[in-house]
């Protein structure tokens, strides 16, 4: 995920979609990598929703944030169970 630009505002709608599609099939083996992908997905769909006023893109961004938050909560719980170290 480090190849992704942190600022997606410079990309056009089609560029956002291509950037997102390029990330879909990359392997993610850790919960942190999956959380980073869902964060990226949320940012892409939020940018699309903001530009187009598309309620479906807004919903997709919200779902991606919820998935990210669920994964991060699991990581925090695992860390707490392990005394602060994963």
PDB file of N, CA and C in Angstrom:
ATOM      1  N   UNK A   1       0.811  -1.183   0.000  1.00  0.00           N
ATOM      2  CA  UNK A   1       0.000   0.000   0.000  1.00  0.00           C
ATOM      3  C   UNK A   1       0.865   1.262   0.000  1.00  0.00           C
ATOM      4  N   UNK A   2       2.151   1.119   0.173  1.00  0.00           N
ATOM      5  CA  UNK A   2       2.992   2.303   0.237  1.00  0.00           C
ATOM      6  C   UNK A   2       3.082   3.021  -1.105  1.00  0.00           C
ATOM      7  N   UNK A   3       2.719   2.353  -2.210  1.00  0.00           N
ATOM      8  CA  UNK A   3       2.748   2.982  -3.521  1.00  0.00           C
ATOM      9  C   UNK A   3       1.614   3.979  -3.705  1.00  0.00           C
ATOM     10  N   UNK A   4       0.614   3.919  -2.866  1.00  0.00           N
ATOM     11  CA  UNK A   4      -0.550   4.781  -3.018  1.00  0.00           C
ATOM     12  C   UNK A   4      -0.246   6.185  -2.547  1.00  0.00           C
ATOM     13  N   UNK A   5      -0.769   7.128  -3.303  1.00  0.00           N
ATOM     14  CA  UNK A   5      -0.617   8.521  -2.908  1.00  0.00           C
ATOM     15  C   UNK A   5      -1.492   8.788  -1.694  1.00  0.00           C
ATOM     16  N   UNK A   6      -0.967   9.490  -0.705  1.00  0.00           N
ATOM     17  CA  UNK A   6      -1.813   9.833   0.438  1.00  0.00           C
ATOM     18  C   UNK A   6      -2.880  10.852   0.060  1.00  0.00           C
ATOM     19  N   UNK A   7      -2.604  11.685  -0.956  1.00  0.00           N
ATOM     20  CA  UNK A   7      -3.553  12.707  -1.388  1.00  0.00           C
ATOM     21  C   UNK A   7      -4.143  12.288  -2.722  1.00  0.00           C
ATOM     22  N   UNK A   8      -5.372  11.836  -2.684  1.00  0.00           N
ATOM     23  CA  UNK A   8      -6.035  11.380  -3.901  1.00  0.00           C
ATOM     24  C   UNK A   8      -6.738  12.509  -4.639  1.00  0.00           C
ATOM     25  N   UNK A   9      -6.683  13.714  -4.094  1.00  0.00           N
ATOM     26  CA  UNK A   9      -7.438  14.827  -4.661  1.00  0.00           C
ATOM     27  C   UNK A   9      -6.946  15.242  -6.044  1.00  0.00           C
ATOM     28  N   UNK A  10      -5.732  14.885  -6.402  1.00  0.00           N
ATOM     29  CA  UNK A  10      -5.203  15.271  -7.711  1.00  0.00           C
ATOM     30  C   UNK A  10      -5.623  14.312  -8.818  1.00  0.00           C
ATOM     31  N   UNK A  11      -6.201  13.175  -8.449  1.00  0.00           N
ATOM     32  CA  UNK A  11      -6.588  12.181  -9.451  1.00  0.00           C
ATOM     33  C   UNK A  11      -7.997  12.444  -9.968  1.00  0.00           C
ATOM     34  N   UNK A  12      -8.192  12.174 -11.247  1.00  0.00           N
ATOM     35  CA  UNK A  12      -9.526  12.272 -11.828  1.00  0.00           C
ATOM     36  C   UNK A  12     -10.336  11.050 -11.406  1.00  0.00           C
ATOM     37  N   UNK A  13     -11.630  11.077 -11.648  1.00  0.00           N
ATOM     38  CA  UNK A  13     -12.483   9.934 -11.322  1.00  0.00           C
ATOM     39  C   UNK A  13     -11.985   8.637 -11.938  1.00  0.00           C
ATOM     40  N   UNK A  14     -11.718   8.620 -13.258  1.00  0.00           N
ATOM     41  CA  UNK A  14     -11.200   7.393 -13.868  1.00  0.00           C
ATOM     42  C   UNK A  14      -9.851   6.959 -13.287  1.00  0.00           C
ATOM     43  N   UNK A  15      -9.001   7.924 -12.947  1.00  0.00           N
ATOM     44  CA  UNK A  15      -7.714   7.577 -12.333  1.00  0.00           C
ATOM     45  C   UNK A  15      -7.915   6.958 -10.957  1.00  0.00           C
ATOM     46  N   UNK A  16      -8.876   7.478 -10.206  1.00  0.00           N
ATOM     47  CA  UNK A  16      -9.184   6.897  -8.900  1.00  0.00           C
ATOM     48  C   UNK A  16      -9.624   5.450  -9.052  1.00  0.00           C
ATOM     49  N   UNK A  17     -10.500   5.207 -10.004  1.00  0.00           N
ATOM     50  CA  UNK A  17     -10.997   3.845 -10.226  1.00  0.00           C
ATOM     51  C   UNK A  17      -9.856   2.931 -10.638  1.00  0.00           C
ATOM     52  N   UNK A  18      -9.000   3.378 -11.563  1.00  0.00           N
ATOM     53  CA  UNK A  18      -7.873   2.546 -11.988  1.00  0.00           C
ATOM     54  C   UNK A  18      -6.919   2.263 -10.831  1.00  0.00           C
ATOM     55  N   UNK A  19      -6.671   3.272 -10.009  1.00  0.00           N
ATOM     56  CA  UNK A  19      -5.791   3.100  -8.848  1.00  0.00           C
ATOM     57  C   UNK A  19      -6.372   2.077  -7.891  1.00  0.00           C
ATOM     58  N   UNK A  20      -7.680   2.171  -7.659  1.00  0.00           N
ATOM     59  CA  UNK A  20      -8.342   1.217  -6.774  1.00  0.00           C
ATOM     60  C   UNK A  20      -8.284  -0.196  -7.357  1.00  0.00           C
ATOM     61  N   UNK A  21      -8.613  -0.338  -8.632  1.00  0.00           N
ATOM     62  CA  UNK A  21      -8.613  -1.662  -9.258  1.00  0.00           C
ATOM     63  C   UNK A  21      -7.230  -2.297  -9.255  1.00  0.00           C
ATOM     64  N   UNK A  22      -6.196  -1.482  -9.351  1.00  0.00           N
ATOM     65  CA  UNK A  22      -4.825  -2.004  -9.316  1.00  0.00           C
ATOM     66  C   UNK A  22      -4.481  -2.593  -7.954  1.00  0.00           C
ATOM     67  N   UNK A  23      -5.178  -2.165  -6.917  1.00  0.00           N
ATOM     68  CA  UNK A  23      -4.889  -2.629  -5.557  1.00  0.00           C
ATOM     69  C   UNK A  23      -5.700  -3.856  -5.138  1.00  0.00           C
ATOM     70  N   UNK A  24      -6.769  -4.142  -5.823  1.00  0.00           N
ATOM     71  CA  UNK A  24      -7.700  -5.175  -5.359  1.00  0.00           C
ATOM     72  C   UNK A  24      -7.048  -6.536  -5.184  1.00  0.00           C
ATOM     73  N   UNK A  25      -6.290  -6.987  -6.170  1.00  0.00           N
ATOM     74  CA  UNK A  25      -5.775  -8.353  -6.139  1.00  0.00           C
ATOM     75  C   UNK A  25      -4.415  -8.517  -5.478  1.00  0.00           C
ATOM     76  N   UNK A  26      -3.881  -7.452  -4.922  1.00  0.00           N
ATOM     77  CA  UNK A  26      -2.593  -7.579  -4.239  1.00  0.00           C
ATOM     78  C   UNK A  26      -2.789  -8.371  -2.948  1.00  0.00           C
ATOM     79  N   UNK A  27      -1.858  -9.282  -2.664  1.00  0.00           N
ATOM     80  CA  UNK A  27      -2.004 -10.089  -1.443  1.00  0.00           C
ATOM     81  C   UNK A  27      -1.817  -9.249  -0.178  1.00  0.00           C
ATOM     82  N   UNK A  28      -2.679  -9.531   0.771  1.00  0.00           N
ATOM     83  CA  UNK A  28      -2.604  -8.895   2.086  1.00  0.00           C
ATOM     84  C   UNK A  28      -2.650 -10.013   3.110  1.00  0.00           C
ATOM     85  N   UNK A  29      -1.530 -10.230   3.770  1.00  0.00           N
ATOM     86  CA  UNK A  29      -1.444 -11.387   4.656  1.00  0.00           C
ATOM     87  C   UNK A  29      -1.632 -11.050   6.124  1.00  0.00           C
ATOM     88  N   UNK A  30      -1.514  -9.799   6.471  1.00  0.00           N
ATOM     89  CA  UNK A  30      -1.656  -9.434   7.880  1.00  0.00           C
ATOM     90  C   UNK A  30      -2.897  -8.565   8.075  1.00  0.00           C
ATOM     91  N   UNK A  31      -3.428  -8.560   9.280  1.00  0.00           N
ATOM     92  CA  UNK A  31      -4.556  -7.672   9.555  1.00  0.00           C
ATOM     93  C   UNK A  31      -4.213  -6.203   9.307  1.00  0.00           C
ATOM     94  N   UNK A  32      -2.996  -5.806   9.608  1.00  0.00           N
ATOM     95  CA  UNK A  32      -2.600  -4.413   9.375  1.00  0.00           C
ATOM     96  C   UNK A  32      -2.634  -4.074   7.885  1.00  0.00           C
ATOM     97  N   UNK A  33      -2.200  -4.999   7.043  1.00  0.00           N
ATOM     98  CA  UNK A  33      -2.259  -4.777   5.594  1.00  0.00           C
ATOM     99  C   UNK A  33      -3.703  -4.698   5.110  1.00  0.00           C
ATOM    100  N   UNK A  34      -4.555  -5.539   5.652  1.00  0.00           N
ATOM    101  CA  UNK A  34      -5.977  -5.496   5.272  1.00  0.00           C
ATOM    102  C   UNK A  34      -6.610  -4.192   5.737  1.00  0.00           C
ATOM    103  N   UNK A  35      -6.281  -3.752   6.941  1.00  0.00           N
ATOM    104  CA  UNK A  35      -6.812  -2.482   7.446  1.00  0.00           C
ATOM    105  C   UNK A  35      -6.338  -1.323   6.567  1.00  0.00           C
ATOM    106  N   UNK A  36      -5.084  -1.350   6.147  1.00  0.00           N
ATOM    107  CA  UNK A  36      -4.557  -0.300   5.278  1.00  0.00           C
ATOM    108  C   UNK A  36      -5.294  -0.284   3.944  1.00  0.00           C
ATOM    109  N   UNK A  37      -5.614  -1.468   3.414  1.00  0.00           N
ATOM    110  CA  UNK A  37      -6.369  -1.520   2.161  1.00  0.00           C
ATOM    111  C   UNK A  37      -7.759  -0.918   2.338  1.00  0.00           C
ATOM    112  N   UNK A  38      -8.446  -1.276   3.418  1.00  0.00           N
ATOM    113  CA  UNK A  38      -9.787  -0.738   3.628  1.00  0.00           C
ATOM    114  C   UNK A  38      -9.740   0.773   3.863  1.00  0.00           C
ATOM    115  N   UNK A  39      -8.683   1.257   4.480  1.00  0.00           N
ATOM    116  CA  UNK A  39      -8.519   2.699   4.633  1.00  0.00           C
ATOM    117  C   UNK A  39      -8.363   3.356   3.261  1.00  0.00           C
ATOM    118  N   UNK A  40      -7.532   2.766   2.418  1.00  0.00           N
ATOM    119  CA  UNK A  40      -7.345   3.265   1.055  1.00  0.00           C
ATOM    120  C   UNK A  40      -8.670   3.230   0.286  1.00  0.00           C
ATOM    121  N   UNK A  41      -9.385   2.122   0.398  1.00  0.00           N
ATOM    122  CA  UNK A  41     -10.673   1.985  -0.288  1.00  0.00           C
ATOM    123  C   UNK A  41     -11.643   3.069   0.176  1.00  0.00           C
ATOM    124  N   UNK A  42     -11.680   3.329   1.463  1.00  0.00           N
ATOM    125  CA  UNK A  42     -12.566   4.368   2.004  1.00  0.00           C
ATOM    126  C   UNK A  42     -12.190   5.732   1.434  1.00  0.00           C
ATOM    127  N   UNK A  43     -10.894   6.013   1.346  1.00  0.00           N
ATOM    128  CA  UNK A  43     -10.465   7.307   0.812  1.00  0.00           C
ATOM    129  C   UNK A  43     -10.827   7.459  -0.667  1.00  0.00           C
ATOM    130  N   UNK A  44     -10.678   6.377  -1.438  1.00  0.00           N
ATOM    131  CA  UNK A  44     -11.029   6.422  -2.866  1.00  0.00           C
ATOM    132  C   UNK A  44     -12.519   6.691  -3.029  1.00  0.00           C
ATOM    133  N   UNK A  45     -13.348   5.906  -2.330  1.00  0.00           N
ATOM    134  CA  UNK A  45     -14.787   6.079  -2.492  1.00  0.00           C
ATOM    135  C   UNK A  45     -15.278   7.391  -1.909  1.00  0.00           C
ATOM    136  N   UNK A  46     -14.634   7.871  -0.856  1.00  0.00           N
ATOM    137  CA  UNK A  46     -15.006   9.179  -0.313  1.00  0.00           C
ATOM    138  C   UNK A  46     -14.692  10.278  -1.328  1.00  0.00           C
ATOM    139  N   UNK A  47     -13.565  10.161  -2.007  1.00  0.00           N
ATOM    140  CA  UNK A  47     -13.211  11.147  -3.035  1.00  0.00           C
ATOM    141  C   UNK A  47     -14.218  11.111  -4.179  1.00  0.00           C
ATOM    142  N   UNK A  48     -14.609   9.904  -4.596  1.00  0.00           N
ATOM    143  CA  UNK A  48     -15.610   9.785  -5.658  1.00  0.00           C
ATOM    144  C   UNK A  48     -16.945  10.366  -5.217  1.00  0.00           C
ATOM    145  N   UNK A  49     -17.339  10.088  -3.992  1.00  0.00           N
ATOM    146  CA  UNK A  49     -18.616  10.601  -3.477  1.00  0.00           C
ATOM    147  C   UNK A  49     -18.590  12.120  -3.406  1.00  0.00           C
ATOM    148  N   UNK A  50     -17.482  12.655  -2.959  1.00  0.00           N
ATOM    149  CA  UNK A  50     -17.349  14.104  -2.819  1.00  0.00           C
ATOM    150  C   UNK A  50     -17.441  14.805  -4.171  1.00  0.00           C
ATOM    151  N   UNK A  51     -16.805  14.218  -5.166  1.00  0.00           N
ATOM    152  CA  UNK A  51     -16.795  14.837  -6.498  1.00  0.00           C
ATOM    153  C   UNK A  51     -18.124  14.719  -7.218  1.00  0.00           C
ATOM    154  N   UNK A  52     -18.752  13.570  -7.084  1.00  0.00           N
ATOM    155  CA  UNK A  52     -19.946  13.291  -7.875  1.00  0.00           C
ATOM    156  C   UNK A  52     -21.236  13.384  -7.085  1.00  0.00           C
ATOM    157  N   UNK A  53     -21.143  13.522  -5.781  1.00  0.00           N
ATOM    158  CA  UNK A  53     -22.345  13.518  -4.958  1.00  0.00           C
ATOM    159  C   UNK A  53     -23.075  12.194  -5.029  1.00  0.00           C
ATOM    160  N   UNK A  54     -22.331  11.123  -5.265  1.00  0.00           N
ATOM    161  CA  UNK A  54     -22.913   9.786  -5.448  1.00  0.00           C
ATOM    162  C   UNK A  54     -23.167   9.120  -4.097  1.00  0.00           C
ATOM    163  N   UNK A  55     -24.432   8.888  -3.746  1.00  0.00           N
ATOM    164  CA  UNK A  55     -24.726   8.271  -2.450  1.00  0.00           C
ATOM    165  C   UNK A  55     -24.199   6.836  -2.343  1.00  0.00           C
ATOM    166  N   UNK A  56     -24.108   6.129  -3.453  1.00  0.00           N
ATOM    167  CA  UNK A  56     -23.581   4.761  -3.407  1.00  0.00           C
ATOM    168  C   UNK A  56     -22.085   4.758  -3.100  1.00  0.00           C
ATOM    169  N   UNK A  57     -21.358   5.713  -3.635  1.00  0.00           N
ATOM    170  CA  UNK A  57     -19.934   5.827  -3.322  1.00  0.00           C
ATOM    171  C   UNK A  57     -19.751   6.192  -1.855  1.00  0.00           C
ATOM    172  N   UNK A  58     -20.627   7.053  -1.348  1.00  0.00           N
ATOM    173  CA  UNK A  58     -20.574   7.410   0.068  1.00  0.00           C
ATOM    174  C   UNK A  58     -20.800   6.171   0.934  1.00  0.00           C
ATOM    175  N   UNK A  59     -21.782   5.343   0.572  1.00  0.00           N
ATOM    176  CA  UNK A  59     -22.058   4.110   1.329  1.00  0.00           C
ATOM    177  C   UNK A  59     -20.876   3.158   1.265  1.00  0.00           C
ATOM    178  N   UNK A  60     -20.250   3.056   0.097  1.00  0.00           N
ATOM    179  CA  UNK A  60     -19.086   2.174  -0.042  1.00  0.00           C
ATOM    180  C   UNK A  60     -17.941   2.658   0.849  1.00  0.00           C
ATOM    181  N   UNK A  61     -17.751   3.975   0.931  1.00  0.00           N
ATOM    182  CA  UNK A  61     -16.710   4.528   1.800  1.00  0.00           C
ATOM    183  C   UNK A  61     -17.009   4.218   3.256  1.00  0.00           C
ATOM    184  N   UNK A  62     -18.262   4.348   3.656  1.00  0.00           N
ATOM    185  CA  UNK A  62     -18.657   4.043   5.041  1.00  0.00           C
ATOM    186  C   UNK A  62     -18.437   2.562   5.363  1.00  0.00           C
ATOM    187  N   UNK A  63     -18.779   1.685   4.434  1.00  0.00           N
ATOM    188  CA  UNK A  63     -18.566   0.239   4.663  1.00  0.00           C
ATOM    189  C   UNK A  63     -17.080  -0.072   4.795  1.00  0.00           C
ATOM    190  N   UNK A  64     -16.266   0.557   3.944  1.00  0.00           N
ATOM    191  CA  UNK A  64     -14.816   0.330   4.013  1.00  0.00           C
ATOM    192  C   UNK A  64     -14.257   0.829   5.348  1.00  0.00           C
ATOM    193  N   UNK A  65     -14.741   1.978   5.817  1.00  0.00           N
ATOM    194  CA  UNK A  65     -14.292   2.481   7.129  1.00  0.00           C
ATOM    195  C   UNK A  65     -14.696   1.519   8.242  1.00  0.00           C
ATOM    196  N   UNK A  66     -15.910   0.987   8.144  1.00  0.00           N
ATOM    197  CA  UNK A  66     -16.374   0.033   9.162  1.00  0.00           C
ATOM    198  C   UNK A  66     -15.510  -1.222   9.150  1.00  0.00           C
ATOM    199  N   UNK A  67     -15.159  -1.708   7.959  1.00  0.00           N
ATOM    200  CA  UNK A  67     -14.280  -2.883   7.866  1.00  0.00           C
ATOM    201  C   UNK A  67     -12.912  -2.579   8.457  1.00  0.00           C
ATOM    202  N   UNK A  68     -12.373  -1.403   8.124  1.00  0.00           N
ATOM    203  CA  UNK A  68     -11.075  -0.991   8.676  1.00  0.00           C
ATOM    204  C   UNK A  68     -11.140  -0.927  10.198  1.00  0.00           C
ATOM    205  N   UNK A  69     -12.186  -0.299  10.715  1.00  0.00           N
ATOM    206  CA  UNK A  69     -12.322  -0.140  12.163  1.00  0.00           C
ATOM    207  C   UNK A  69     -12.477  -1.484  12.868  1.00  0.00           C
ATOM    208  N   UNK A  70     -13.201  -2.416  12.235  1.00  0.00           N
ATOM    209  CA  UNK A  70     -13.370  -3.753  12.802  1.00  0.00           C
ATOM    210  C   UNK A  70     -12.024  -4.464  12.895  1.00  0.00           C
ATOM    211  N   UNK A  71     -11.233  -4.370  11.852  1.00  0.00           N
ATOM    212  CA  UNK A  71      -9.908  -5.006  11.847  1.00  0.00           C
ATOM    213  C   UNK A  71      -8.996  -4.359  12.888  1.00  0.00           C
ATOM    214  N   UNK A  72      -9.011  -3.034  12.936  1.00  0.00           N
ATOM    215  CA  UNK A  72      -8.169  -2.340  13.915  1.00  0.00           C
ATOM    216  C   UNK A  72      -8.583  -2.648  15.348  1.00  0.00           C
ATOM    217  N   UNK A  73      -9.889  -2.792  15.581  1.00  0.00           N
ATOM    218  CA  UNK A  73     -10.360  -3.167  16.921  1.00  0.00           C
ATOM    219  C   UNK A  73      -9.858  -4.559  17.287  1.00  0.00           C
ATOM    220  N   UNK A  74      -9.869  -5.462  16.318  1.00  0.00           N
ATOM    221  CA  UNK A  74      -9.335  -6.804  16.559  1.00  0.00           C
ATOM    222  C   UNK A  74      -7.852  -6.772  16.868  1.00  0.00           C
ATOM    223  N   UNK A  75      -7.121  -5.929  16.152  1.00  0.00           N
ATOM    224  CA  UNK A  75      -5.682  -5.790  16.426  1.00  0.00           C
ATOM    225  C   UNK A  75      -5.443  -5.238  17.826  1.00  0.00           C
ATOM    226  N   UNK A  76      -6.236  -4.249  18.214  1.00  0.00           N
ATOM    227  CA  UNK A  76      -6.081  -3.666  19.550  1.00  0.00           C
ATOM    228  C   UNK A  76      -6.399  -4.695  20.621  1.00  0.00           C
ATOM    229  N   UNK A  77      -7.432  -5.496  20.385  1.00  0.00           N
ATOM    230  CA  UNK A  77      -7.792  -6.533  21.351  1.00  0.00           C
ATOM    231  C   UNK A  77      -6.682  -7.580  21.458  1.00  0.00           C
ATOM    232  N   UNK A  78      -6.118  -7.969  20.321  1.00  0.00           N
ATOM    233  CA  UNK A  78      -5.013  -8.933  20.330  1.00  0.00           C
ATOM    234  C   UNK A  78      -3.807  -8.370  21.077  1.00  0.00           C
ATOM    235  N   UNK A  79      -3.533  -7.098  20.846  1.00  0.00           N
ATOM    236  CA  UNK A  79      -2.406  -6.462  21.512  1.00  0.00           C
ATOM    237  C   UNK A  79      -2.625  -6.408  23.030  1.00  0.00           C
ATOM    238  N   UNK A  80      -3.847  -6.093  23.433  1.00  0.00           N
ATOM    239  CA  UNK A  80      -4.151  -6.041  24.868  1.00  0.00           C
ATOM    240  C   UNK A  80      -4.008  -7.416  25.510  1.00  0.00           C
ATOM    241  N   UNK A  81      -4.469  -8.447  24.800  1.00  0.00           N
ATOM    242  CA  UNK A  81      -4.353  -9.814  25.321  1.00  0.00           C
ATOM    243  C   UNK A  81      -2.896 -10.248  25.449  1.00  0.00           C
ATOM    244  N   UNK A  82      -2.054  -9.721  24.573  1.00  0.00           N
ATOM    245  CA  UNK A  82      -0.646 -10.096  24.577  1.00  0.00           C
ATOM    246  C   UNK A  82       0.217  -9.132  25.385  1.00  0.00           C
ATOM    247  N   UNK A  83      -0.402  -8.336  26.179  1.00  0.00           N
ATOM    248  CA  UNK A  83       0.337  -7.415  27.042  1.00  0.00           C
ATOM    249  C   UNK A  83       1.009  -6.283  26.298  1.00  0.00           C
ATOM    250  N   UNK A  84       0.426  -5.877  25.171  1.00  0.00           N
ATOM    251  CA  UNK A  84       0.955  -4.744  24.441  1.00  0.00           C
ATOM    252  C   UNK A  84       1.908  -5.087  23.317  1.00  0.00           C
ATOM    253  N   UNK A  85       2.152  -6.355  23.081  1.00  0.00           N
ATOM    254  CA  UNK A  85       3.049  -6.753  21.992  1.00  0.00           C
ATOM    255  C   UNK A  85       2.370  -7.804  21.141  1.00  0.00           C
ATOM    256  N   UNK A  86       2.405  -7.571  19.830  1.00  0.00           N
ATOM    257  CA  UNK A  86       1.839  -8.557  18.908  1.00  0.00           C
ATOM    258  C   UNK A  86       2.856  -9.556  18.482  1.00  0.00           C
TER     259      UNK A  86
END
